[in-house]
Amino acid sequence: MLDPQRSSLGQWIAHIHRLIAATFGDFLRGWCQKHAKDYTLTPPQWGLLTHLNLADGLPIGVIGQRLAVDAPTVTDVVGRMERNGLVTRVHDNVDRRVVHVYLTEEGRMVLASLAGEVDSFFARLTSAIAPEDLQALKRVMVILHDTLGTVASERAEP
């Protein structure tokens, strides 16, 4: 446990992120076992499924931008998901270097079956937080997100 008085905000965010990712990973692994899947869904794979649910057929580069990860990492995650039958890759007809990712029937089924349980998981995770505090936390996260964009663009300027 981090010392609340001596630990920085960055340390807390990183620590909580790791704990949530590990706990959510355990939850997804349990769901896959319970439903006799011959694969284990990971938090990054769940994130990719939810993004494709909103906009199926995204190019790998766009997925990377939206998830804030590099294209090789997305390619690796997509490859594992493709082997598990959750997505399929299709090269663009005009520019063969561009690869679009689409949900398969299995991917759609997993989304439909798991979405409510994921919502319940996160509701349980935040159940001890007063609604007004949860709203304040979300507002702070949006501010941090927007500020990160500004800081990143300032660093990119010559």
Protein backbone atom coordinates (compact mmCIF):
# COMPACT_ATOMS: atom_id res chain seq x y z
CA MET A 1 0.00 0.00 0.00
CA LEU A 2 1.26 3.45 -0.84
CA ASP A 3 1.66 6.06 1.87
CA PRO A 4 -1.18 8.56 1.29
CA GLN A 5 0.92 11.41 2.70
CA ARG A 6 4.14 10.75 0.79
CA SER A 7 3.03 9.27 -2.51
CA SER A 8 2.50 11.46 -5.55
CA LEU A 9 -0.66 11.56 -7.60
CA GLY A 10 1.22 9.80 -10.40
CA GLN A 11 2.19 6.96 -8.08
CA TRP A 12 -1.40 6.57 -6.95
CA ILE A 13 -2.77 6.58 -10.51
CA ALA A 14 -0.20 3.98 -11.63
CA HIS A 15 -0.82 1.82 -8.55
CA ILE A 16 -4.60 1.89 -8.88
CA HIS A 17 -4.34 1.23 -12.63
CA ARG A 18 -2.26 -1.90 -11.97
CA LEU A 19 -4.68 -3.13 -9.29
CA ILE A 20 -7.74 -2.55 -11.46
CA ALA A 21 -6.09 -4.21 -14.48
CA ALA A 22 -5.12 -7.26 -12.42
CA THR A 23 -8.54 -7.58 -10.79
CA PHE A 24 -10.36 -7.02 -14.09
CA GLY A 25 -8.05 -9.57 -15.74
CA ASP A 26 -8.98 -12.12 -13.08
CA PHE A 27 -12.66 -11.32 -13.65
CA LEU A 28 -12.32 -11.81 -17.44
CA ARG A 29 -10.36 -15.04 -16.97
CA GLY A 30 -13.10 -16.36 -14.67
CA TRP A 31 -15.79 -15.42 -17.18
CA CYS A 32 -13.96 -17.29 -19.94
CA GLN A 33 -13.58 -20.37 -17.74
CA LYS A 34 -17.23 -20.22 -16.66
CA HIS A 35 -18.31 -20.07 -20.32
CA ALA A 36 -15.87 -22.83 -21.38
CA LYS A 37 -13.92 -20.59 -23.74
CA ASP A 38 -10.68 -22.04 -25.03
CA TYR A 39 -9.08 -18.61 -24.72
CA THR A 40 -8.63 -16.00 -22.02
CA LEU A 41 -9.83 -12.49 -22.71
CA THR A 42 -7.53 -9.77 -21.37
CA PRO A 43 -8.35 -6.16 -20.38
CA PRO A 44 -6.67 -4.77 -23.55
CA GLN A 45 -8.69 -7.20 -25.66
CA TRP A 46 -11.91 -6.15 -23.92
CA GLY A 47 -11.03 -2.51 -24.62
CA LEU A 48 -10.49 -3.31 -28.29
CA LEU A 49 -13.81 -5.18 -28.50
CA THR A 50 -15.68 -2.22 -27.02
CA HIS A 51 -14.00 0.22 -29.44
CA LEU A 52 -14.90 -1.99 -32.41
CA ASN A 53 -18.45 -2.25 -31.12
CA LEU A 54 -18.71 1.53 -31.49
CA ALA A 55 -16.93 1.68 -34.87
CA ASP A 56 -16.34 -1.69 -36.52
CA GLY A 57 -13.64 -1.81 -39.16
CA LEU A 58 -11.23 0.65 -37.59
CA PRO A 59 -7.70 0.69 -39.01
CA ILE A 60 -4.99 -0.57 -36.66
CA GLY A 61 -3.37 2.90 -36.57
CA VAL A 62 -6.63 4.53 -35.45
CA ILE A 63 -7.12 1.87 -32.78
CA GLY A 64 -3.64 2.62 -31.49
CA GLN A 65 -4.40 6.34 -31.31
CA ARG A 66 -7.68 5.78 -29.50
CA LEU A 67 -6.15 3.35 -27.01
CA ALA A 68 -2.91 5.38 -26.66
CA VAL A 69 -0.68 2.45 -27.64
CA ASP A 70 1.66 1.97 -30.56
CA ALA A 71 0.67 0.10 -33.74
CA PRO A 72 2.92 -2.94 -33.07
CA THR A 73 1.20 -3.45 -29.72
CA VAL A 74 -2.23 -3.23 -31.35
CA THR A 75 -1.08 -5.65 -34.07
CA ASP A 76 -0.02 -8.15 -31.39
CA VAL A 77 -3.32 -7.88 -29.49
CA VAL A 78 -5.33 -8.13 -32.74
CA GLY A 79 -3.30 -11.18 -33.77
CA ARG A 80 -4.15 -13.02 -30.55
CA MET A 81 -7.79 -12.00 -30.87
CA GLU A 82 -7.88 -13.18 -34.48
CA ARG A 83 -6.44 -16.57 -33.48
CA ASN A 84 -9.21 -16.78 -30.87
CA GLY A 85 -11.89 -15.98 -33.45
CA LEU A 86 -12.92 -12.65 -31.93
CA VAL A 87 -11.87 -10.36 -34.79
CA THR A 88 -10.74 -10.55 -38.37
CA ARG A 89 -8.27 -8.37 -40.26
CA VAL A 90 -8.91 -7.08 -43.78
CA HIS A 91 -6.40 -5.15 -45.90
CA ASP A 92 -7.69 -1.92 -47.39
CA ASN A 93 -8.56 -2.17 -51.11
CA VAL A 94 -6.85 1.12 -51.96
CA ASP A 95 -3.82 1.03 -49.64
CA ARG A 96 -2.77 -2.53 -48.76
CA ARG A 97 -0.61 -1.22 -45.90
CA VAL A 98 -3.78 -0.22 -44.04
CA VAL A 99 -5.40 -3.06 -42.09
CA HIS A 100 -8.98 -2.79 -40.84
CA VAL A 101 -10.19 -4.84 -37.88
CA TYR A 102 -13.72 -6.23 -37.71
CA LEU A 103 -15.66 -8.09 -35.05
CA THR A 104 -16.56 -11.70 -35.79
CA GLU A 105 -19.76 -13.39 -34.65
CA GLU A 106 -17.82 -14.76 -31.66
CA GLY A 107 -16.63 -11.24 -30.82
CA ARG A 108 -20.18 -9.91 -31.01
CA MET A 109 -21.45 -12.76 -28.85
CA VAL A 110 -18.80 -12.11 -26.21
CA LEU A 111 -19.70 -8.42 -26.16
CA ALA A 112 -23.41 -9.13 -25.84
CA SER A 113 -22.92 -11.73 -23.13
CA LEU A 114 -20.22 -9.97 -21.12
CA ALA A 115 -21.14 -6.26 -21.28
CA GLY A 116 -23.69 -6.38 -18.45
CA GLU A 117 -21.33 -8.37 -16.25
CA VAL A 118 -18.53 -5.87 -16.90
CA ASP A 119 -20.88 -3.05 -15.94
CA SER A 120 -21.71 -4.91 -12.71
CA PHE A 121 -18.01 -5.49 -12.04
CA PHE A 122 -17.24 -1.77 -12.27
CA ALA A 123 -20.38 -0.84 -10.31
CA ARG A 124 -19.14 -3.13 -7.52
CA LEU A 125 -15.66 -1.63 -7.80
CA THR A 126 -17.02 1.88 -7.26
CA SER A 127 -19.85 0.99 -4.85
CA ALA A 128 -18.05 2.48 -1.83
CA ILE A 129 -17.68 5.86 -3.55
CA ALA A 130 -20.45 8.39 -3.00
CA PRO A 131 -22.13 9.34 -6.30
CA GLU A 132 -21.03 12.97 -6.02
CA ASP A 133 -17.44 11.87 -5.37
CA LEU A 134 -17.55 9.54 -8.36
CA GLN A 135 -18.78 12.41 -10.55
CA ALA A 136 -16.01 14.64 -9.18
CA LEU A 137 -13.44 11.93 -9.90
CA LYS A 138 -14.68 11.63 -13.48
CA ARG A 139 -14.44 15.42 -13.90
CA VAL A 140 -10.86 15.36 -12.60
CA MET A 141 -9.99 12.52 -14.99
CA VAL A 142 -11.35 14.54 -17.92
CA ILE A 143 -9.28 17.54 -16.82
CA LEU A 144 -6.15 15.37 -16.54
CA HIS A 145 -6.87 13.88 -19.97
CA ASP A 146 -7.27 17.29 -21.57
CA THR A 147 -4.21 18.66 -19.81
CA LEU A 148 -2.12 15.71 -21.00
CA GLY A 149 -3.12 16.56 -24.55
CA THR A 150 -1.98 20.15 -24.07
CA VAL A 151 1.31 19.14 -22.42
CA ALA A 152 1.99 16.59 -25.17
CA SER A 153 1.41 19.15 -27.93
CA GLU A 154 3.64 21.69 -26.16
CA ARG A 155 6.44 19.12 -25.94
CA ALA A 156 6.10 18.38 -29.65
CA GLU A 157 6.64 22.03 -30.63
CA PRO A 158 10.20 22.90 -31.70
